N, C-alpha and C. Protein backbone atom coordinates (compact mmCIF):
# COMPACT_ATOMS: atom_id res chain seq x y z
N UNK A 1 -22.37 97.25 253.02
CA UNK A 1 -21.63 96.47 252.07
C UNK A 1 -22.60 95.59 251.28
N UNK A 2 -22.36 95.50 249.98
CA UNK A 2 -23.24 94.69 249.13
C UNK A 2 -23.02 93.21 249.39
N UNK A 3 -24.11 92.48 249.48
CA UNK A 3 -24.05 91.04 249.70
C UNK A 3 -24.70 90.35 248.51
N UNK A 4 -24.03 89.35 247.90
CA UNK A 4 -24.62 88.68 246.75
C UNK A 4 -25.87 87.90 247.13
N UNK A 5 -26.86 87.94 246.25
CA UNK A 5 -28.11 87.24 246.51
C UNK A 5 -27.98 85.75 246.20
N UNK A 6 -27.13 85.43 245.21
CA UNK A 6 -26.92 84.03 244.84
C UNK A 6 -25.43 83.72 244.81
N UNK A 7 -25.14 82.43 244.92
CA UNK A 7 -23.75 81.98 244.87
C UNK A 7 -23.21 82.11 243.45
N UNK A 8 -21.99 82.65 243.33
CA UNK A 8 -21.37 82.79 242.01
C UNK A 8 -20.61 81.50 241.71
N UNK A 9 -20.75 81.00 240.50
CA UNK A 9 -20.09 79.75 240.13
C UNK A 9 -18.57 79.90 240.15
N UNK A 10 -17.91 78.77 240.30
CA UNK A 10 -16.45 78.78 240.36
C UNK A 10 -15.84 79.26 239.05
N UNK A 11 -16.38 78.84 237.92
CA UNK A 11 -15.82 79.26 236.64
C UNK A 11 -16.03 80.75 236.41
N UNK A 12 -17.16 81.28 236.84
CA UNK A 12 -17.42 82.71 236.69
C UNK A 12 -16.47 83.52 237.58
N UNK A 13 -16.25 83.04 238.78
CA UNK A 13 -15.35 83.72 239.71
C UNK A 13 -13.92 83.73 239.16
N UNK A 14 -13.47 82.58 238.68
CA UNK A 14 -12.09 82.49 238.19
C UNK A 14 -11.89 83.27 236.91
N UNK A 15 -12.89 83.31 236.04
CA UNK A 15 -12.73 84.07 234.81
C UNK A 15 -12.71 85.58 235.11
N UNK A 16 -13.42 86.00 236.13
CA UNK A 16 -13.38 87.41 236.53
C UNK A 16 -12.02 87.75 237.11
N UNK A 17 -11.48 86.86 237.95
CA UNK A 17 -10.17 87.11 238.56
C UNK A 17 -9.05 87.07 237.55
N UNK A 18 -9.23 86.33 236.48
CA UNK A 18 -8.18 86.18 235.46
C UNK A 18 -7.96 87.46 234.66
N UNK A 19 -8.87 88.42 234.75
CA UNK A 19 -8.75 89.67 234.00
C UNK A 19 -7.67 90.58 234.58
N UNK A 20 -7.31 90.38 235.87
CA UNK A 20 -6.33 91.23 236.51
C UNK A 20 -4.94 90.85 236.03
N UNK A 21 -4.15 91.83 235.64
CA UNK A 21 -2.80 91.56 235.18
C UNK A 21 -1.84 92.57 235.82
N UNK A 22 -0.68 92.08 236.21
CA UNK A 22 0.33 92.95 236.79
C UNK A 22 1.08 93.65 235.66
N UNK A 23 1.41 94.91 235.88
CA UNK A 23 2.16 95.65 234.88
C UNK A 23 3.61 95.80 235.36
N UNK A 24 4.56 95.81 234.46
CA UNK A 24 5.96 95.95 234.88
C UNK A 24 6.19 97.35 235.46
N UNK A 25 7.10 97.47 236.43
CA UNK A 25 7.34 98.77 237.05
C UNK A 25 7.99 99.74 236.06
N UNK A 26 7.63 100.99 236.17
CA UNK A 26 8.23 102.02 235.32
C UNK A 26 9.65 102.27 235.84
N UNK A 27 10.62 102.32 234.93
CA UNK A 27 12.00 102.51 235.34
C UNK A 27 12.52 103.87 234.86
N UNK A 28 13.32 104.50 235.69
CA UNK A 28 13.88 105.81 235.40
C UNK A 28 15.40 105.66 235.29
N UNK A 29 16.03 106.21 234.25
CA UNK A 29 17.48 106.12 234.15
C UNK A 29 18.16 107.04 235.18
N UNK A 30 19.09 106.46 235.96
CA UNK A 30 19.79 107.21 237.00
C UNK A 30 21.29 106.98 236.83
N UNK A 31 22.08 108.06 236.97
CA UNK A 31 23.52 107.95 236.88
C UNK A 31 24.07 107.53 238.23
N UNK A 32 24.62 106.30 238.29
CA UNK A 32 25.14 105.77 239.54
C UNK A 32 26.55 105.25 239.31
N UNK A 33 27.51 105.90 239.88
CA UNK A 33 28.90 105.46 239.78
C UNK A 33 29.45 105.49 238.37
N UNK A 34 29.09 106.49 237.59
CA UNK A 34 29.62 106.63 236.25
C UNK A 34 28.90 105.86 235.18
N UNK A 35 27.82 105.19 235.52
CA UNK A 35 27.03 104.49 234.50
C UNK A 35 25.54 104.73 234.73
N UNK A 36 24.77 104.62 233.68
CA UNK A 36 23.33 104.87 233.75
C UNK A 36 22.63 103.55 234.04
N UNK A 37 21.82 103.53 235.10
CA UNK A 37 21.12 102.32 235.53
C UNK A 37 19.63 102.60 235.62
N UNK A 38 18.77 101.74 235.06
CA UNK A 38 17.32 101.93 235.22
C UNK A 38 16.85 101.41 236.58
N UNK A 39 16.19 102.26 237.34
CA UNK A 39 15.65 101.88 238.65
C UNK A 39 14.24 102.44 238.79
N UNK A 40 13.42 101.87 239.70
CA UNK A 40 12.10 102.43 239.95
C UNK A 40 12.21 103.85 240.50
N UNK A 41 11.25 104.73 240.20
CA UNK A 41 11.33 106.13 240.64
C UNK A 41 11.48 106.30 242.15
N UNK A 42 10.88 105.43 242.94
CA UNK A 42 10.96 105.59 244.39
C UNK A 42 12.35 105.29 244.94
N UNK A 43 13.21 104.59 244.14
CA UNK A 43 14.56 104.29 244.58
C UNK A 43 15.61 105.19 243.94
N UNK A 44 15.20 106.06 243.03
CA UNK A 44 16.14 106.87 242.27
C UNK A 44 17.01 107.74 243.18
N UNK A 45 16.42 108.40 244.15
CA UNK A 45 17.17 109.30 245.02
C UNK A 45 18.19 108.53 245.87
N UNK A 46 17.78 107.36 246.37
CA UNK A 46 18.68 106.56 247.20
C UNK A 46 19.87 106.04 246.38
N UNK A 47 19.63 105.71 245.12
CA UNK A 47 20.72 105.23 244.26
C UNK A 47 21.67 106.38 243.95
N UNK A 48 21.13 107.56 243.66
CA UNK A 48 21.96 108.73 243.36
C UNK A 48 22.86 109.08 244.54
N UNK A 49 22.32 108.96 245.77
CA UNK A 49 23.07 109.32 246.96
C UNK A 49 24.01 108.20 247.42
N UNK A 50 23.94 107.04 246.77
CA UNK A 50 24.83 105.94 247.10
C UNK A 50 24.40 105.10 248.28
N UNK A 51 23.15 105.25 248.72
CA UNK A 51 22.67 104.45 249.84
C UNK A 51 22.30 103.03 249.44
N UNK A 52 22.08 102.80 248.12
CA UNK A 52 21.74 101.49 247.60
C UNK A 52 22.77 101.13 246.53
N UNK A 53 23.35 99.93 246.68
CA UNK A 53 24.29 99.44 245.67
C UNK A 53 23.50 98.81 244.53
N UNK A 54 23.85 99.20 243.31
CA UNK A 54 23.17 98.66 242.14
C UNK A 54 24.11 97.69 241.43
N UNK A 55 23.66 96.47 241.16
CA UNK A 55 24.55 95.49 240.51
C UNK A 55 24.86 95.86 239.08
């Protein structure tokens, strides 16, 4: 594992961390109970089968 030779400054560390951004989840339209509802792809099958109630 790489080990830094010198201490990284606090401002440099925080500016590097600030570059990370969360992206919104991709939503898939699913027909649930007679209406189309956008849900994440991993939940689409459960919503279609009625295992998850969608508000």
